[in-house]
């Protein structure tokens, strides 16, 4: 890399940009984790449904891990999470 200064500048520039990208990924994970806890408590725990949790809500938001996975899929525009109804 010392012989090709333009390649060295490119590699150093990519390394500098990765530091900012890592912080964005960490912040996104923290926000998703907080919302996963909220959804697991409110929806998966049945608080939204007055104690009677439907099976679909239990299967989707029953635990923090499931909630985190489903919220990650929704964040990335995976429409298989959304259940469409006729109403």
Protein backbone atom coordinates (compact mmCIF):
# COMPACT_ATOMS: atom_id res chain seq x y z
CA UNK A 1 0.00 0.00 0.00
CA UNK A 2 2.90 2.37 0.45
CA UNK A 3 3.75 2.23 -3.27
CA UNK A 4 0.22 3.07 -4.44
CA UNK A 5 -0.76 6.26 -2.65
CA UNK A 6 -4.17 6.45 -4.29
CA UNK A 7 -5.00 2.91 -3.14
CA UNK A 8 -3.79 3.76 0.36
CA UNK A 9 -6.03 6.85 0.45
CA UNK A 10 -8.98 4.78 -0.71
CA UNK A 11 -8.44 2.10 1.94
CA UNK A 12 -8.02 4.70 4.69
CA UNK A 13 -11.15 6.52 3.52
CA UNK A 14 -13.20 3.32 3.62
CA UNK A 15 -11.85 2.53 7.11
CA UNK A 16 -12.83 6.01 8.34
CA UNK A 17 -16.31 5.65 6.86
CA UNK A 18 -16.77 2.26 8.54
CA UNK A 19 -16.45 3.82 12.01
CA UNK A 20 -19.54 5.93 11.42
CA UNK A 21 -21.38 3.01 9.89
CA UNK A 22 -20.70 0.83 12.92
CA UNK A 23 -22.24 3.46 15.21
CA UNK A 24 -25.34 3.63 13.00
CA UNK A 25 -25.70 -0.15 13.17
CA UNK A 26 -25.28 -0.14 16.97
CA UNK A 27 -27.82 2.65 17.42
CA UNK A 28 -30.30 0.88 15.14
CA UNK A 29 -29.94 -2.35 17.12
CA UNK A 30 -30.46 -0.52 20.43
CA UNK A 31 -33.62 1.20 19.15
CA UNK A 32 -34.96 -2.09 17.73
CA UNK A 33 -34.18 -3.87 21.00
CA UNK A 34 -36.05 -1.24 23.04
CA UNK A 35 -39.09 -1.50 20.77
CA UNK A 36 -38.87 -5.32 20.88
CA UNK A 37 -39.14 -5.17 24.67
CA UNK A 38 -42.12 -2.82 24.40
CA UNK A 39 -43.90 -4.98 21.81
CA UNK A 40 -43.19 -8.20 23.71
CA UNK A 41 -44.63 -6.65 26.85
CA UNK A 42 -47.64 -4.91 25.36
CA UNK A 43 -48.64 -7.16 22.47
CA UNK A 44 -47.07 -10.50 23.37
CA UNK A 45 -48.02 -10.19 27.01
CA UNK A 46 -51.65 -9.42 26.18
CA UNK A 47 -51.79 -5.95 27.74
CA UNK A 48 -53.12 -4.47 24.50
CA UNK A 49 -55.78 -7.20 24.30
CA UNK A 50 -56.92 -6.97 27.95
CA UNK A 51 -55.19 -10.18 28.98
CA UNK A 52 -56.41 -12.42 26.14
CA UNK A 53 -53.53 -12.74 23.71
CA UNK A 54 -54.50 -14.01 20.23
CA UNK A 55 -52.37 -16.82 18.81
CA UNK A 56 -51.10 -14.62 15.97
CA UNK A 57 -49.86 -12.01 18.44
CA UNK A 58 -48.26 -14.68 20.62
CA UNK A 59 -46.50 -16.23 17.61
CA UNK A 60 -45.31 -12.87 16.34
CA UNK A 61 -44.44 -10.94 19.52
CA UNK A 62 -44.43 -13.63 22.23
CA UNK A 63 -40.82 -13.05 23.29
CA UNK A 64 -38.21 -10.34 22.95
CA UNK A 65 -36.29 -12.45 20.43
CA UNK A 66 -39.37 -12.96 18.23
CA UNK A 67 -40.25 -9.28 18.51
CA UNK A 68 -36.73 -8.25 17.57
CA UNK A 69 -36.77 -10.57 14.56
CA UNK A 70 -40.19 -9.37 13.37
CA UNK A 71 -39.29 -5.70 13.83
CA UNK A 72 -36.07 -6.28 11.89
CA UNK A 73 -38.08 -7.84 9.07
CA UNK A 74 -40.52 -4.92 9.09
CA UNK A 75 -37.67 -2.43 9.07
CA UNK A 76 -36.33 -4.11 5.94
CA UNK A 77 -39.74 -4.05 4.21
CA UNK A 78 -40.55 -7.75 4.50
CA UNK A 79 -44.30 -7.86 3.89
CA UNK A 80 -44.68 -11.45 5.14
CA UNK A 81 -45.05 -10.07 8.67
CA UNK A 82 -48.06 -7.94 7.78
CA UNK A 83 -51.32 -9.87 7.81
CA UNK A 84 -53.95 -8.46 5.51
CA UNK A 85 -57.63 -8.76 6.39
CA UNK A 86 -60.86 -8.10 4.53
CA UNK A 87 -62.06 -5.50 7.01
